[in-house]
N, C-alpha and C. Protein backbone atom coordinates (compact mmCIF):
# COMPACT_ATOMS: atom_id res chain seq x y z
N MET A 1 0.59 -1.36 0.03
CA MET A 1 -0.33 -0.13 0.19
C MET A 1 0.72 1.33 0.13
N HIS A 2 1.84 1.54 0.96
CA HIS A 2 3.00 2.35 0.86
C HIS A 2 3.51 2.52 -0.32
N ALA A 3 4.01 1.65 -1.03
CA ALA A 3 4.69 1.69 -2.40
C ALA A 3 3.74 2.12 -3.34
N ALA A 4 2.48 1.70 -3.19
CA ALA A 4 1.33 2.28 -4.45
C ALA A 4 0.89 3.92 -3.94
N GLY A 5 1.62 4.34 -3.10
CA GLY A 5 0.97 5.72 -2.51
C GLY A 5 -0.38 5.74 -1.94
N LEU A 6 -0.84 4.69 -1.53
CA LEU A 6 -2.18 4.33 -0.69
C LEU A 6 -1.83 4.74 0.77
N ALA A 7 -0.92 4.58 1.47
CA ALA A 7 -0.63 4.53 2.71
C ALA A 7 0.67 5.40 2.97
N THR A 8 0.35 6.01 4.15
CA THR A 8 1.49 6.61 4.67
C THR A 8 2.29 5.73 5.86
N MET A 9 3.48 5.67 5.84
CA MET A 9 4.41 5.05 6.71
C MET A 9 5.78 5.96 7.19
N ALA A 10 5.83 5.85 8.86
CA ALA A 10 6.88 6.49 9.34
C ALA A 10 7.44 5.53 10.53
N TYR A 11 8.83 5.66 10.84
CA TYR A 11 9.34 4.75 11.75
C TYR A 11 10.39 5.12 12.41
N TYR A 12 10.30 5.03 13.60
CA TYR A 12 11.62 5.73 14.88
C TYR A 12 11.96 4.70 15.49
N TYR A 13 13.23 5.06 15.67
CA TYR A 13 13.92 4.04 16.56
C TYR A 13 14.53 5.02 17.82
N PHE A 14 14.49 4.34 19.09
CA PHE A 14 14.86 4.99 20.30
C PHE A 14 16.00 4.17 20.01
N ASP A 15 17.69 5.29 20.13
CA ASP A 15 18.76 4.82 19.92
C ASP A 15 19.73 5.44 21.27
N PHE A 16 19.86 4.01 22.05
CA PHE A 16 20.64 4.53 23.25
C PHE A 16 21.90 5.15 22.88
N ARG A 17 22.34 4.81 21.70
CA ARG A 17 23.74 5.52 21.33
C ARG A 17 23.73 7.01 21.15
N ASP A 18 22.55 7.63 20.77
CA ASP A 18 22.44 8.81 20.28
C ASP A 18 21.50 9.66 21.02
N VAL A 19 22.06 10.56 22.02
CA VAL A 19 21.20 11.67 22.79
C VAL A 19 19.91 12.27 22.26
N LYS A 20 20.36 12.41 21.06
CA LYS A 20 19.19 13.22 20.25
C LYS A 20 17.90 12.34 19.89
N LYS A 21 17.98 11.02 19.89
CA LYS A 21 17.10 9.96 19.43
C LYS A 21 16.51 9.48 20.69
N GLN A 22 16.51 9.98 21.86
CA GLN A 22 16.04 9.58 23.11
C GLN A 22 14.80 10.29 23.60
N ASP A 23 13.94 11.15 23.45
CA ASP A 23 13.08 11.85 23.61
C ASP A 23 12.18 12.40 22.69
N CYS A 24 10.99 12.88 23.24
CA CYS A 24 9.57 13.35 22.40
C CYS A 24 10.08 14.14 21.07
N TYR A 25 11.06 14.90 21.59
CA TYR A 25 11.78 16.20 20.55
C TYR A 25 11.97 15.44 19.44
N GLY A 26 13.10 14.26 19.47
CA GLY A 26 13.45 13.42 18.59
C GLY A 26 12.52 12.62 17.61
N LEU A 27 11.68 12.23 18.41
CA LEU A 27 10.67 11.21 17.76
C LEU A 27 9.48 12.27 17.05
N LEU A 28 9.07 13.19 17.36
CA LEU A 28 8.41 13.75 16.59
C LEU A 28 8.89 14.67 15.47
N SER A 29 10.07 15.24 15.62
CA SER A 29 10.70 15.88 14.33
C SER A 29 11.00 14.73 13.47
N SER A 30 11.55 13.57 13.87
CA SER A 30 11.60 12.30 12.54
C SER A 30 10.23 12.17 12.13
N LEU A 31 9.00 11.96 12.96
CA LEU A 31 7.90 11.43 12.40
C LEU A 31 7.26 12.58 11.43
N ILE A 32 7.21 13.72 11.75
CA ILE A 32 6.80 14.99 11.38
C ILE A 32 7.45 15.08 9.70
N SER A 33 8.59 14.84 9.52
CA SER A 33 9.66 14.84 8.47
C SER A 33 9.26 14.08 7.72
N GLN A 34 8.79 12.51 8.23
CA GLN A 34 8.89 11.51 7.18
C GLN A 34 7.56 11.87 6.70
N LEU A 35 6.42 12.04 7.44
CA LEU A 35 4.88 12.32 7.12
C LEU A 35 4.95 13.54 5.88
N SER A 36 5.61 14.31 6.06
CA SER A 36 5.49 15.46 5.09
C SER A 36 6.15 15.04 3.72
N ALA A 37 7.24 14.27 3.77
CA ALA A 37 7.89 13.64 2.73
C ALA A 37 6.67 12.70 1.92
N ASP A 38 5.87 11.90 2.48
CA ASP A 38 5.22 11.27 1.97
C ASP A 38 3.57 11.92 1.24
N SER A 39 3.42 13.05 2.00
CA SER A 39 2.20 13.73 1.78
C SER A 39 2.14 15.00 1.64
N ASP A 40 1.56 15.58 0.40
CA ASP A 40 1.38 17.17 0.43
C ASP A 40 0.82 17.82 1.21
N ALA A 41 -0.24 17.00 1.63
CA ALA A 41 -1.13 17.66 2.88
C ALA A 41 -0.44 18.20 4.14
N CYS A 42 0.37 17.02 4.37
CA CYS A 42 1.39 17.12 5.66
C CYS A 42 2.33 18.22 5.80
N TYR A 43 3.04 18.02 4.51
CA TYR A 43 4.10 19.01 3.78
C TYR A 43 3.41 20.31 4.06
N ASN A 44 2.28 20.77 3.75
CA ASN A 44 1.50 21.96 3.81
C ASN A 44 1.81 22.38 5.36
N ILE A 45 1.10 21.73 6.33
CA ILE A 45 1.31 21.65 7.72
C ILE A 45 2.75 21.74 8.18
N LEU A 46 3.63 21.15 7.88
CA LEU A 46 5.10 21.29 8.22
C LEU A 46 5.46 22.82 7.73
N SER A 47 5.34 23.34 6.36
CA SER A 47 5.75 24.46 5.91
C SER A 47 4.77 25.71 6.54
N LYS A 48 3.38 25.31 7.07
CA LYS A 48 3.25 26.24 8.06
C LYS A 48 3.97 26.75 9.50
N LEU A 49 4.26 25.34 10.12
CA LEU A 49 5.14 25.39 11.13
C LEU A 49 6.51 26.12 10.85
N PHE A 50 6.77 25.79 9.69
CA PHE A 50 8.23 26.67 9.20
C PHE A 50 8.02 28.14 9.36
N SER A 51 7.17 28.34 8.66
CA SER A 51 6.81 29.83 8.58
C SER A 51 6.62 30.46 10.00
N ALA A 52 6.02 29.97 10.55
CA ALA A 52 5.45 30.49 11.90
C ALA A 52 6.95 30.46 13.03
N HIS A 53 7.89 29.85 12.60
CA HIS A 53 9.18 29.82 13.21
C HIS A 53 10.00 30.70 12.37
N ILE A 54 9.48 31.81 12.00
CA ILE A 54 10.79 32.56 10.89
C ILE A 54 11.35 31.96 10.04
N ARG A 55 10.66 31.12 9.48
CA ARG A 55 11.14 30.39 8.26
C ARG A 55 12.36 29.44 8.47
N GLY A 56 12.40 29.07 9.96
CA GLY A 56 13.21 28.06 10.56
C GLY A 56 14.13 28.73 11.48
N THR A 57 14.30 30.06 11.59
CA THR A 57 15.51 30.54 12.38
C THR A 57 15.32 30.20 13.68
N ARG A 58 14.07 29.77 14.34
CA ARG A 58 13.78 29.65 15.79
C ARG A 58 13.19 28.14 15.42
N LYS A 59 13.49 27.41 16.65
CA LYS A 59 13.40 26.16 16.69
C LYS A 59 11.97 26.05 17.32
N PRO A 60 10.88 25.09 16.74
CA PRO A 60 9.74 24.95 17.38
C PRO A 60 9.87 24.21 18.78
N ASP A 61 8.91 24.56 19.45
CA ASP A 61 8.99 23.94 21.18
C ASP A 61 8.27 22.75 20.89
N ILE A 62 8.14 21.88 21.98
CA ILE A 62 7.55 20.69 21.82
C ILE A 62 6.30 20.75 21.78
N ASP A 63 5.31 21.77 22.24
CA ASP A 63 3.85 21.85 21.97
C ASP A 63 3.49 22.08 20.90
N ALA A 64 4.78 22.93 19.91
CA ALA A 64 4.15 23.25 18.58
C ALA A 64 4.40 22.11 17.58
N LEU A 65 5.45 21.24 18.36
CA LEU A 65 5.39 19.83 17.42
C LEU A 65 4.38 18.88 17.78
N LYS A 66 3.96 18.60 18.64
CA LYS A 66 2.96 17.91 19.02
C LYS A 66 1.53 18.41 18.47
N GLU A 67 1.41 19.45 18.34
CA GLU A 67 0.48 20.08 17.46
C GLU A 67 0.51 20.08 15.92
N CYS A 68 1.55 20.03 15.34
CA CYS A 68 2.03 19.88 14.14
C CYS A 68 1.41 18.67 13.61
N MET A 69 2.12 17.39 14.69
CA MET A 69 1.90 16.06 14.31
C MET A 69 0.23 15.75 14.59
N THR A 70 -0.29 16.25 15.63
CA THR A 70 -1.98 15.96 15.69
C THR A 70 -2.31 16.48 14.39
N ASP A 71 -2.33 17.49 13.48
CA ASP A 71 -2.93 18.19 12.71
C ASP A 71 -2.68 17.37 11.51
N MET A 72 -1.49 16.79 11.48
CA MET A 72 -1.06 15.99 10.23
C MET A 72 -1.97 14.53 10.48
N LEU A 73 -2.15 13.92 11.68
CA LEU A 73 -2.54 12.83 11.79
C LEU A 73 -4.14 12.91 11.30
N SER A 74 -4.78 14.16 11.56
CA SER A 74 -6.19 14.43 11.75
C SER A 74 -6.71 14.85 10.53
N LEU A 75 -5.92 14.81 9.47
CA LEU A 75 -6.39 15.39 8.08
C LEU A 75 -7.74 14.64 7.60
N PRO A 76 -8.44 15.38 7.14
CA PRO A 76 -9.57 14.54 6.56
C PRO A 76 -9.34 13.70 5.27
N GLY A 77 -9.71 12.57 5.26
CA GLY A 77 -9.75 12.09 3.64
C GLY A 77 -8.54 11.52 3.51
N GLN A 78 -7.48 11.25 4.78
CA GLN A 78 -6.16 10.80 4.54
C GLN A 78 -6.32 9.00 4.66
N GLY A 79 -5.57 8.71 3.84
CA GLY A 79 -5.39 7.18 3.54
C GLY A 79 -4.61 6.67 4.83
N PRO A 80 -4.63 5.44 5.31
CA PRO A 80 -3.93 4.83 6.21
C PRO A 80 -2.43 5.44 6.70
N ILE A 81 -2.45 5.64 7.93
CA ILE A 81 -1.17 6.01 8.24
C ILE A 81 -0.34 5.07 9.47
N TYR A 82 0.69 4.41 8.98
CA TYR A 82 1.29 3.55 9.84
C TYR A 82 2.52 3.75 10.63
N ILE A 83 2.81 3.91 11.90
CA ILE A 83 3.67 4.54 12.70
C ILE A 83 4.12 3.28 13.38
N VAL A 84 5.15 3.01 13.48
CA VAL A 84 6.32 2.34 14.01
C VAL A 84 7.31 2.88 15.02
N VAL A 85 7.06 2.49 16.11
CA VAL A 85 8.07 3.23 17.32
C VAL A 85 8.59 2.09 17.97
N ASP A 86 10.09 1.80 17.91
CA ASP A 86 10.76 0.91 18.22
C ASP A 86 11.90 1.12 19.29
N GLY A 87 12.03 0.37 19.96
CA GLY A 87 13.12 0.50 21.17
C GLY A 87 12.43 1.35 22.39
N LEU A 88 11.46 1.71 22.64
CA LEU A 88 10.87 2.57 23.50
C LEU A 88 11.80 2.33 25.07
N ASP A 89 12.17 1.34 25.16
CA ASP A 89 12.75 1.01 26.63
C ASP A 89 14.05 1.67 26.35
N GLU A 90 14.68 1.93 25.13
CA GLU A 90 16.05 2.79 25.25
C GLU A 90 15.62 4.33 25.59
N CYS A 91 14.52 4.79 25.42
CA CYS A 91 14.46 6.07 26.14
C CYS A 91 14.56 6.17 27.42
N PRO A 92 15.61 7.24 27.90
CA PRO A 92 16.00 7.10 29.35
C PRO A 92 14.61 7.15 30.42
N ASN A 93 14.78 6.41 31.27
CA ASN A 93 13.83 6.48 32.45
C ASN A 93 14.54 7.10 33.77
N SER A 94 15.07 8.17 33.52
CA SER A 94 15.79 8.92 34.55
C SER A 94 14.68 9.58 35.68
N SER A 95 15.44 9.74 36.48
CA SER A 95 14.54 10.82 37.78
C SER A 95 14.49 12.27 37.08
N GLY A 96 13.58 13.20 37.57
CA GLY A 96 13.30 13.94 36.73
C GLY A 96 11.85 13.99 36.50
N THR A 97 11.07 15.22 36.76
CA THR A 97 9.73 15.19 36.30
C THR A 97 8.75 15.53 34.97
N PRO A 98 8.46 15.07 34.18
CA PRO A 98 8.59 13.82 34.15
C PRO A 98 9.91 13.28 33.39
N SER A 99 10.26 12.02 33.67
CA SER A 99 11.23 11.35 32.49
C SER A 99 10.87 11.74 30.89
N ALA A 100 11.96 11.51 30.40
CA ALA A 100 12.03 11.65 28.92
C ALA A 100 10.89 10.57 28.27
N ARG A 101 11.18 9.19 29.12
CA ARG A 101 10.55 8.06 28.81
C ARG A 101 8.97 8.41 29.06
N ARG A 102 8.46 8.88 30.10
CA ARG A 102 7.08 8.94 30.46
C ARG A 102 6.61 10.27 29.49
N GLU A 103 7.27 11.04 29.16
CA GLU A 103 6.81 12.10 28.06
C GLU A 103 6.64 11.66 26.99
N VAL A 104 7.33 10.61 26.50
CA VAL A 104 7.02 9.57 25.16
C VAL A 104 5.74 8.86 25.48
N MET A 105 5.87 8.39 26.63
CA MET A 105 4.46 7.56 26.90
C MET A 105 3.09 8.17 26.91
N GLU A 106 3.49 9.26 27.27
CA GLU A 106 2.13 10.27 27.50
C GLU A 106 2.00 10.60 25.70
N LEU A 107 2.87 10.94 25.07
CA LEU A 107 2.47 11.54 23.73
C LEU A 107 1.76 10.55 22.86
N ILE A 108 2.31 8.94 23.45
CA ILE A 108 1.70 8.04 22.69
C ILE A 108 0.07 7.93 23.37
N LYS A 109 0.04 7.85 24.56
CA LYS A 109 -1.08 7.61 24.87
C LYS A 109 -2.05 8.87 24.55
N GLY A 110 -1.73 10.19 24.24
CA GLY A 110 -2.55 11.17 23.41
C GLY A 110 -2.49 10.73 21.94
N PHE A 111 -1.83 10.09 21.20
CA PHE A 111 -2.20 9.85 19.76
C PHE A 111 -3.09 8.64 19.89
N VAL A 112 -3.12 7.90 20.87
CA VAL A 112 -3.98 6.59 20.70
C VAL A 112 -5.44 7.23 21.11
N GLY A 113 -5.50 8.30 22.06
CA GLY A 113 -6.79 9.10 22.42
C GLY A 113 -7.48 9.80 21.31
N LEU A 114 -6.69 10.09 20.50
CA LEU A 114 -7.37 10.70 19.31
C LEU A 114 -8.22 9.74 18.59
N LYS A 115 -8.22 8.42 18.69
CA LYS A 115 -9.19 7.33 18.10
C LYS A 115 -9.26 7.85 16.58
N LEU A 116 -8.13 7.77 16.10
CA LEU A 116 -8.35 8.27 14.49
C LEU A 116 -8.27 6.66 13.74
N ARG A 117 -9.27 6.59 12.97
CA ARG A 117 -9.34 4.96 12.52
C ARG A 117 -8.59 4.95 11.42
N ASN A 118 -7.74 5.73 10.72
CA ASN A 118 -6.72 5.43 9.91
C ASN A 118 -5.31 5.51 10.30
N VAL A 119 -5.45 5.55 11.71
CA VAL A 119 -3.82 5.53 12.27
C VAL A 119 -3.56 4.29 12.81
N TYR A 120 -2.43 3.63 12.93
CA TYR A 120 -2.05 2.60 12.93
C TYR A 120 -0.85 2.42 13.95
N LEU A 121 -0.68 2.44 15.04
CA LEU A 121 0.47 2.88 15.83
C LEU A 121 1.33 1.41 16.40
N CYS A 122 2.08 1.02 15.94
CA CYS A 122 3.18 0.08 16.50
C CYS A 122 4.19 0.25 17.62
N VAL A 123 3.98 -0.11 18.78
CA VAL A 123 5.17 0.23 19.67
C VAL A 123 5.81 -0.97 19.85
N ALA A 124 7.15 -0.91 19.75
CA ALA A 124 8.16 -2.43 20.25
C ALA A 124 9.17 -1.84 21.31
N SER A 125 9.25 -2.84 22.16
CA SER A 125 9.97 -2.57 23.40
C SER A 125 10.21 -3.95 24.19
N ARG A 126 10.97 -4.02 25.21
CA ARG A 126 11.15 -4.92 26.03
C ARG A 126 10.46 -4.61 26.97
N PRO A 127 9.74 -5.55 27.64
CA PRO A 127 8.72 -5.65 28.90
C PRO A 127 9.05 -4.90 29.96
N GLU A 128 9.40 -3.64 29.87
CA GLU A 128 9.69 -3.19 31.07
C GLU A 128 8.39 -2.55 32.04
N ILE A 129 8.47 -2.80 33.48
CA ILE A 129 6.95 -2.48 33.80
C ILE A 129 6.18 -1.48 33.42
N ASP A 130 7.09 -0.06 33.62
CA ASP A 130 6.59 1.30 33.52
C ASP A 130 5.74 1.10 31.76
N ILE A 131 6.35 0.49 31.02
CA ILE A 131 5.66 0.63 29.74
C ILE A 131 4.91 -0.45 29.56
N ARG A 132 5.03 -1.49 29.80
CA ARG A 132 3.74 -2.75 30.15
C ARG A 132 2.15 -1.92 30.64
N MET A 133 2.89 -1.44 31.74
CA MET A 133 1.64 -0.72 32.51
C MET A 133 0.73 0.35 31.37
N LEU A 134 1.68 1.04 30.78
CA LEU A 134 0.67 2.03 30.01
C LEU A 134 0.23 1.44 28.99
N LEU A 135 1.12 0.70 28.24
CA LEU A 135 0.32 -0.32 26.72
C LEU A 135 -0.90 -0.95 27.22
N GLU A 136 -0.86 -1.73 28.61
CA GLU A 136 -1.96 -2.49 28.65
C GLU A 136 -2.93 -1.73 29.08
N SER A 137 -2.74 -0.24 29.32
CA SER A 137 -3.91 0.48 29.81
C SER A 137 -4.57 0.90 28.22
N LEU A 138 -3.80 0.79 27.47
CA LEU A 138 -4.54 1.49 26.33
C LEU A 138 -5.30 0.08 25.11
N GLU A 139 -5.38 -0.71 25.99
CA GLU A 139 -6.00 -2.22 25.58
C GLU A 139 -5.28 -2.44 23.97
N PRO A 140 -4.32 -2.86 23.78
CA PRO A 140 -3.90 -2.79 22.59
C PRO A 140 -3.49 -4.55 22.30
N LEU A 141 -3.37 -4.37 20.78
CA LEU A 141 -2.96 -5.86 20.52
C LEU A 141 -1.42 -6.18 20.77
N GLN A 142 -1.73 -7.30 21.69
CA GLN A 142 0.37 -7.60 21.95
C GLN A 142 0.62 -8.75 21.69
N VAL A 143 1.87 -8.68 21.20
CA VAL A 143 2.57 -9.86 20.34
C VAL A 143 3.73 -10.02 21.33
N SER A 144 4.27 -10.96 22.07
CA SER A 144 5.45 -10.91 22.84
C SER A 144 6.28 -11.78 21.90
N LEU A 145 7.48 -11.32 21.54
CA LEU A 145 8.49 -12.30 20.69
C LEU A 145 9.37 -12.47 21.45
N ASP A 146 9.95 -12.51 22.76
CA ASP A 146 10.87 -12.97 23.68
C ASP A 146 11.16 -14.44 23.75
N ASP A 147 9.93 -15.13 23.80
CA ASP A 147 9.78 -16.51 23.84
C ASP A 147 9.74 -17.67 22.62
N GLU A 148 9.49 -16.45 21.55
CA GLU A 148 9.36 -17.11 20.00
C GLU A 148 10.64 -17.70 19.75
N MET A 149 10.48 -18.81 19.15
CA MET A 149 11.69 -19.72 18.62
C MET A 149 12.28 -19.10 17.36
N GLY A 150 11.23 -18.73 16.46
CA GLY A 150 11.91 -17.76 15.27
C GLY A 150 12.72 -16.73 15.75
N GLN A 151 12.16 -16.17 16.79
CA GLN A 151 12.88 -14.74 17.42
C GLN A 151 14.42 -15.46 17.89
N LYS A 152 14.34 -16.39 18.52
CA LYS A 152 15.69 -16.86 19.01
C LYS A 152 16.57 -17.53 17.73
N ALA A 153 15.93 -18.02 17.11
CA ALA A 153 16.85 -18.52 16.09
C ALA A 153 17.33 -17.65 15.27
N ASP A 154 16.80 -16.38 14.94
CA ASP A 154 17.20 -15.28 14.16
C ASP A 154 18.35 -14.70 14.81
N ILE A 155 18.33 -14.35 16.49
CA ILE A 155 19.28 -13.83 16.93
C ILE A 155 20.43 -14.85 17.17
N THR A 156 20.19 -16.31 17.08
CA THR A 156 21.51 -16.90 17.14
C THR A 156 22.15 -16.80 15.53
N ALA A 157 21.27 -16.88 14.63
CA ALA A 157 21.95 -16.99 13.41
C ALA A 157 22.78 -15.51 13.32
N TYR A 158 21.99 -14.42 13.72
CA TYR A 158 23.09 -13.36 13.50
C TYR A 158 24.28 -13.49 14.39
N ILE A 159 24.40 -14.02 15.72
CA ILE A 159 25.46 -14.16 16.34
C ILE A 159 26.73 -14.90 15.71
N GLU A 160 25.92 -16.01 15.17
CA GLU A 160 27.03 -16.95 14.47
C GLU A 160 27.82 -16.55 13.40
N CYS A 161 26.65 -15.69 12.56
CA CYS A 161 27.36 -15.11 11.38
C CYS A 161 28.49 -14.05 11.69
N THR A 162 28.14 -13.35 12.75
CA THR A 162 29.21 -12.29 13.23
C THR A 162 30.39 -12.80 13.65
N VAL A 163 30.10 -13.41 14.48
CA VAL A 163 31.50 -14.47 15.23
C VAL A 163 32.11 -15.18 13.99
N ARG A 164 31.73 -15.69 13.24
CA ARG A 164 32.23 -16.27 12.11
C ARG A 164 32.96 -15.24 11.40
N SER A 165 32.36 -14.18 10.94
CA SER A 165 33.10 -13.44 10.17
C SER A 165 34.32 -12.54 10.85
N TYR A 166 33.88 -11.94 12.08
CA TYR A 166 34.92 -11.15 12.50
C TYR A 166 35.68 -11.74 13.76
N SER A 167 35.73 -13.09 13.92
CA SER A 167 36.19 -13.67 15.32
C SER A 167 37.67 -13.57 14.88
N MET A 168 38.51 -13.76 16.28
CA MET A 168 39.89 -13.82 16.12
C MET A 168 40.52 -14.84 15.44
N PRO A 169 41.70 -14.60 14.70
CA PRO A 169 41.91 -15.75 13.83
C PRO A 169 42.59 -16.90 14.52
N GLU A 170 42.73 -16.39 16.13
CA GLU A 170 43.48 -17.73 16.85
C GLU A 170 42.32 -18.41 17.54
N TRP A 171 41.21 -17.77 17.19
CA TRP A 171 40.00 -18.67 17.96
C TRP A 171 39.79 -20.18 17.61
N THR A 172 39.71 -20.97 17.95
CA THR A 172 39.12 -22.38 17.56
C THR A 172 37.81 -22.59 17.07
N GLU A 173 37.54 -23.58 16.34
CA GLU A 173 36.08 -23.87 16.05
C GLU A 173 35.53 -24.12 17.16
N LYS A 174 36.08 -24.52 18.46
CA LYS A 174 35.29 -25.03 19.78
C LYS A 174 34.98 -23.83 20.40
N ASP A 175 35.97 -22.70 20.51
CA ASP A 175 36.04 -21.34 21.06
C ASP A 175 34.65 -20.60 20.33
N GLN A 176 34.75 -20.36 18.96
CA GLN A 176 33.73 -20.13 18.46
C GLN A 176 32.37 -20.69 18.85
N GLY A 177 32.32 -21.83 18.84
CA GLY A 177 31.04 -22.38 19.11
C GLY A 177 30.71 -22.04 20.60
N LEU A 178 31.30 -21.96 21.48
CA LEU A 178 31.23 -21.44 22.85
C LEU A 178 30.73 -20.16 23.18
N VAL A 179 31.52 -19.38 22.35
CA VAL A 179 31.05 -18.01 22.32
C VAL A 179 29.69 -17.72 21.70
N ILE A 180 29.20 -18.47 20.52
CA ILE A 180 27.94 -18.21 20.04
C ILE A 180 26.69 -19.11 20.95
N HIS A 181 27.17 -20.04 21.38
CA HIS A 181 26.53 -20.72 22.27
C HIS A 181 26.06 -19.71 23.41
N THR A 182 27.06 -19.12 24.28
CA THR A 182 26.90 -18.26 25.33
C THR A 182 26.17 -16.68 25.27
N LEU A 183 26.27 -16.20 23.97
CA LEU A 183 25.78 -15.15 23.51
C LEU A 183 24.27 -15.39 23.17
N SER A 184 24.09 -16.56 22.60
CA SER A 184 22.67 -16.79 22.03
C SER A 184 21.84 -17.14 23.43
N GLN A 185 22.24 -17.90 24.18
CA GLN A 185 21.71 -18.07 25.93
C GLN A 185 21.41 -16.95 26.51
N LYS A 186 22.27 -15.88 26.17
CA LYS A 186 22.13 -14.59 27.19
C LYS A 186 21.62 -13.42 26.53
N ALA A 187 21.10 -13.51 25.24
CA ALA A 187 20.69 -12.60 24.33
C ALA A 187 19.19 -11.81 24.95
N ASN A 188 18.68 -12.91 25.58
CA ASN A 188 17.26 -12.25 26.25
C ASN A 188 16.58 -11.63 25.39
N GLY A 189 16.25 -12.12 24.12
CA GLY A 189 15.61 -11.54 23.23
C GLY A 189 15.93 -10.46 22.22
N MET A 190 17.31 -9.97 22.53
CA MET A 190 17.90 -8.97 21.67
C MET A 190 19.03 -9.42 20.99
């Protein structure tokens, strides 16, 4: 559907290695950019935000980004919009009121609360308690991959490929096998 122009898709990964990709601002900036690249109507909304902030010389605050995103999602006559948010658990849950993770979870809750029939949201995360509690309150369709054989097999195949490609020349076949086995057993779904 996306390739045929019948649907819009945006994807975001909270990256623990990049501080700019660990909060609401990073999430919204990326999603807004992706949606505006796929839709002229969304582009027009982003253009208004750009103009309202002196043609980009002033950085919009988080509330302006939230409003822009809400306007994009709420456009009438819009085809399906699929949003994938991966690695929510990588968003810091540090002390502070509220934490970056809490702000993101409230944002997600707000998007779900819009009850837009054409917006589909997929949130992927390790099952940390605060994330589980929020997601369960939204009555989602849940799919746990942690204990799935296919997930474990894919992780093991990746580890094996990596170890065999980059292992130390002095490692014996037995050493490589031990590393592959140990990492596979302790991968814990990741």
